[in-house]
Amino acid sequence: MVLSTAALVVGLGTPAQAAITQNCRSNEKSFSIPGSRDVSVTVDLCVQRDGSRYRAKAYVSWGSWAGMPSNAFDNFNVTLRLERNDATQKSQGVNLTSMINHPSDYNHNVSWPTAWVTSSARGGWSADGVVDYDINNDGRGGKKWDLYGSPLIT
């Protein structure tokens, strides 16, 4: 399932709620855009626990500049997974192509969660993910950026 950009939270920082415990890991990558400057993207993957409920949350931010091409990426999809012992419990995909290609229309960062999972099972919960992307006119087609998952939460 892919969320529309209307379902995303667009804002600054990575807010945390007092009742929610979370563990996060940051992933950074610089993308070489033909005929232009590189685009740097950071994806923070967090696993969250609220009592016996668990979910994954992604925070994505990117650098941009005046004159950035509006077609730098043909595709930029992020799939977020809530896992327990490396088995997917929930997943949520988001197509960020338009947002990254038109950064002046956005705040250069977005976040979204998976749905909550209620479980009495403790330990082994993590957030993981992957970015499927295609850089316009680089002649290489689509590629995959496997993200480093979050530390485990109990």
Protein backbone atom coordinates (compact mmCIF):
# COMPACT_ATOMS: atom_id res chain seq x y z
CA MET A 1 0.00 0.00 0.00
CA VAL A 2 1.29 3.46 -0.88
CA LEU A 3 0.18 6.56 1.02
CA SER A 4 -0.68 9.71 -0.84
CA THR A 5 1.35 12.75 0.13
CA ALA A 6 -1.80 14.19 1.72
CA ALA A 7 -1.55 11.51 4.43
CA LEU A 8 1.99 12.48 5.35
CA VAL A 9 3.01 14.71 8.21
CA VAL A 10 5.12 17.55 6.86
CA GLY A 11 7.08 19.49 9.45
CA LEU A 12 10.30 20.10 11.29
CA GLY A 13 12.23 17.71 13.54
CA THR A 14 11.31 14.33 14.98
CA PRO A 15 8.70 14.84 17.68
CA ALA A 16 8.39 12.25 20.44
CA GLN A 17 5.46 11.80 22.77
CA ALA A 18 6.14 11.27 26.48
CA ALA A 19 4.23 7.96 26.65
CA ILE A 20 5.98 6.51 23.62
CA THR A 21 9.38 4.84 23.85
CA GLN A 22 11.38 4.74 20.62
CA ASN A 23 14.71 3.57 19.19
CA CYS A 24 15.97 5.13 15.96
CA ARG A 25 18.74 4.77 13.40
CA SER A 26 19.73 7.31 10.77
CA ASN A 27 20.58 6.46 7.14
CA GLU A 28 22.20 9.02 4.84
CA LYS A 29 22.94 8.92 1.12
CA SER A 30 24.06 11.41 -1.50
CA PHE A 31 22.57 10.98 -4.97
CA SER A 32 24.52 12.17 -8.02
CA ILE A 33 22.13 14.03 -10.34
CA PRO A 34 23.38 14.36 -13.98
CA GLY A 35 24.10 17.99 -14.88
CA SER A 36 23.34 19.23 -11.37
CA ARG A 37 24.49 19.16 -7.76
CA ASP A 38 24.06 16.07 -5.61
CA VAL A 39 20.93 15.59 -3.51
CA SER A 40 21.49 14.40 0.08
CA VAL A 41 18.72 12.36 1.70
CA THR A 42 18.42 11.22 5.31
CA VAL A 43 15.99 8.49 6.39
CA ASP A 44 15.54 7.95 10.12
CA LEU A 45 13.84 4.68 10.99
CA CYS A 46 12.25 4.41 14.44
CA VAL A 47 10.46 1.63 16.25
CA GLN A 48 7.99 2.86 18.85
CA ARG A 49 6.27 1.20 21.81
CA ASP A 50 3.28 2.50 23.73
CA GLY A 51 2.42 -0.11 26.36
CA SER A 52 1.69 -3.27 24.38
CA ARG A 53 1.36 -1.44 21.05
CA TYR A 54 4.21 -1.23 18.50
CA ARG A 55 4.71 0.64 15.26
CA ALA A 56 7.48 1.83 12.94
CA LYS A 57 7.90 5.45 11.91
CA ALA A 58 10.02 7.00 9.15
CA TYR A 59 11.37 10.54 9.05
CA VAL A 60 12.76 11.57 5.64
CA SER A 61 14.59 14.84 4.95
CA TRP A 62 16.54 16.08 1.96
CA GLY A 63 18.69 18.97 0.89
CA SER A 64 17.75 21.16 -2.02
CA TRP A 65 18.72 24.44 -3.58
CA ALA A 66 17.43 27.10 -5.92
CA GLY A 67 17.57 25.75 -9.44
CA MET A 68 17.32 22.08 -8.44
CA PRO A 69 15.89 20.20 -11.45
CA SER A 70 12.20 19.41 -11.07
CA ASN A 71 12.77 15.98 -12.58
CA ALA A 72 15.86 14.79 -10.68
CA PHE A 73 14.14 11.49 -9.86
CA ASP A 74 11.86 9.39 -12.04
CA ASN A 75 10.98 7.41 -8.92
CA PHE A 76 11.62 7.73 -5.16
CA ASN A 77 9.57 5.28 -3.09
CA VAL A 78 10.22 4.50 0.56
CA THR A 79 8.83 1.33 2.15
CA LEU A 80 8.76 1.26 5.95
CA ARG A 81 8.37 -2.03 7.83
CA LEU A 82 7.59 -2.90 11.44
CA GLU A 83 9.37 -6.17 12.12
CA ARG A 84 9.57 -8.64 14.98
CA ASN A 85 12.57 -10.95 14.80
CA ASP A 86 13.05 -9.92 11.13
CA ALA A 87 9.50 -10.93 10.17
CA THR A 88 7.32 -8.13 8.76
CA GLN A 89 4.29 -7.33 10.94
CA LYS A 90 3.13 -4.16 9.13
CA SER A 91 4.43 -2.11 6.22
CA GLN A 92 3.67 1.26 4.68
CA GLY A 93 5.03 2.60 1.40
CA VAL A 94 5.15 6.23 0.32
CA ASN A 95 5.96 7.70 -3.08
CA LEU A 96 8.07 10.83 -2.42
CA THR A 97 9.03 11.51 -6.06
CA SER A 98 6.97 14.67 -6.45
CA MET A 99 7.99 16.04 -3.06
CA ILE A 100 11.72 15.63 -3.66
CA ASN A 101 11.46 16.91 -7.24
CA HIS A 102 9.54 20.02 -6.11
CA PRO A 103 11.18 20.92 -2.78
CA SER A 104 10.05 24.54 -2.78
CA ASP A 105 6.49 23.25 -2.31
CA TYR A 106 7.39 21.41 0.90
CA ASN A 107 9.45 21.82 4.08
CA HIS A 108 12.10 19.33 2.90
CA ASN A 109 11.00 16.68 5.39
CA VAL A 110 8.12 14.27 5.94
CA SER A 111 7.23 11.51 8.37
CA TRP A 112 4.69 8.70 8.52
CA PRO A 113 4.03 5.61 10.66
CA THR A 114 2.84 2.10 10.06
CA ALA A 115 -0.37 1.10 11.79
CA TRP A 116 -0.07 0.08 15.45
CA VAL A 117 0.23 -3.64 16.26
CA THR A 118 -0.97 -4.80 19.66
CA SER A 119 1.08 -7.67 21.05
CA SER A 120 2.01 -9.15 24.42
CA ALA A 121 5.25 -10.44 22.84
CA ARG A 122 8.21 -8.47 24.18
CA GLY A 123 11.57 -8.02 22.51
CA GLY A 124 12.73 -8.31 18.91
CA TRP A 125 10.72 -5.32 17.57
CA SER A 126 12.42 -3.04 15.02
CA ALA A 127 11.82 -0.68 12.11
CA ASP A 128 13.38 -1.45 8.74
CA GLY A 129 12.98 -0.20 5.22
CA VAL A 130 14.10 0.22 1.66
CA VAL A 131 14.16 3.04 -0.90
CA ASP A 132 13.45 2.19 -4.53
CA TYR A 133 14.71 5.04 -6.73
CA ASP A 134 15.48 5.92 -10.31
CA ILE A 135 17.59 8.99 -11.12
CA ASN A 136 16.44 10.75 -14.28
CA ASN A 137 18.83 10.48 -17.26
CA ASP A 138 21.60 8.57 -15.46
CA GLY A 139 21.19 5.56 -17.79
CA ARG A 140 21.15 3.07 -14.89
CA GLY A 141 17.45 2.41 -14.39
CA GLY A 142 15.91 1.70 -11.01
CA LYS A 143 18.01 0.94 -7.96
CA LYS A 144 17.45 -0.14 -4.38
CA TRP A 145 18.87 1.45 -1.20
CA ASP A 146 18.54 -1.04 1.66
CA LEU A 147 18.27 0.95 4.88
CA TYR A 148 19.85 0.01 8.19
CA GLY A 149 17.08 -0.91 10.62
CA SER A 150 16.51 0.59 14.02
CA PRO A 151 17.91 -0.91 17.20
CA LEU A 152 15.54 -3.41 18.83
CA ILE A 153 12.97 -2.32 21.39
CA THR A 154 11.49 -4.49 24.13
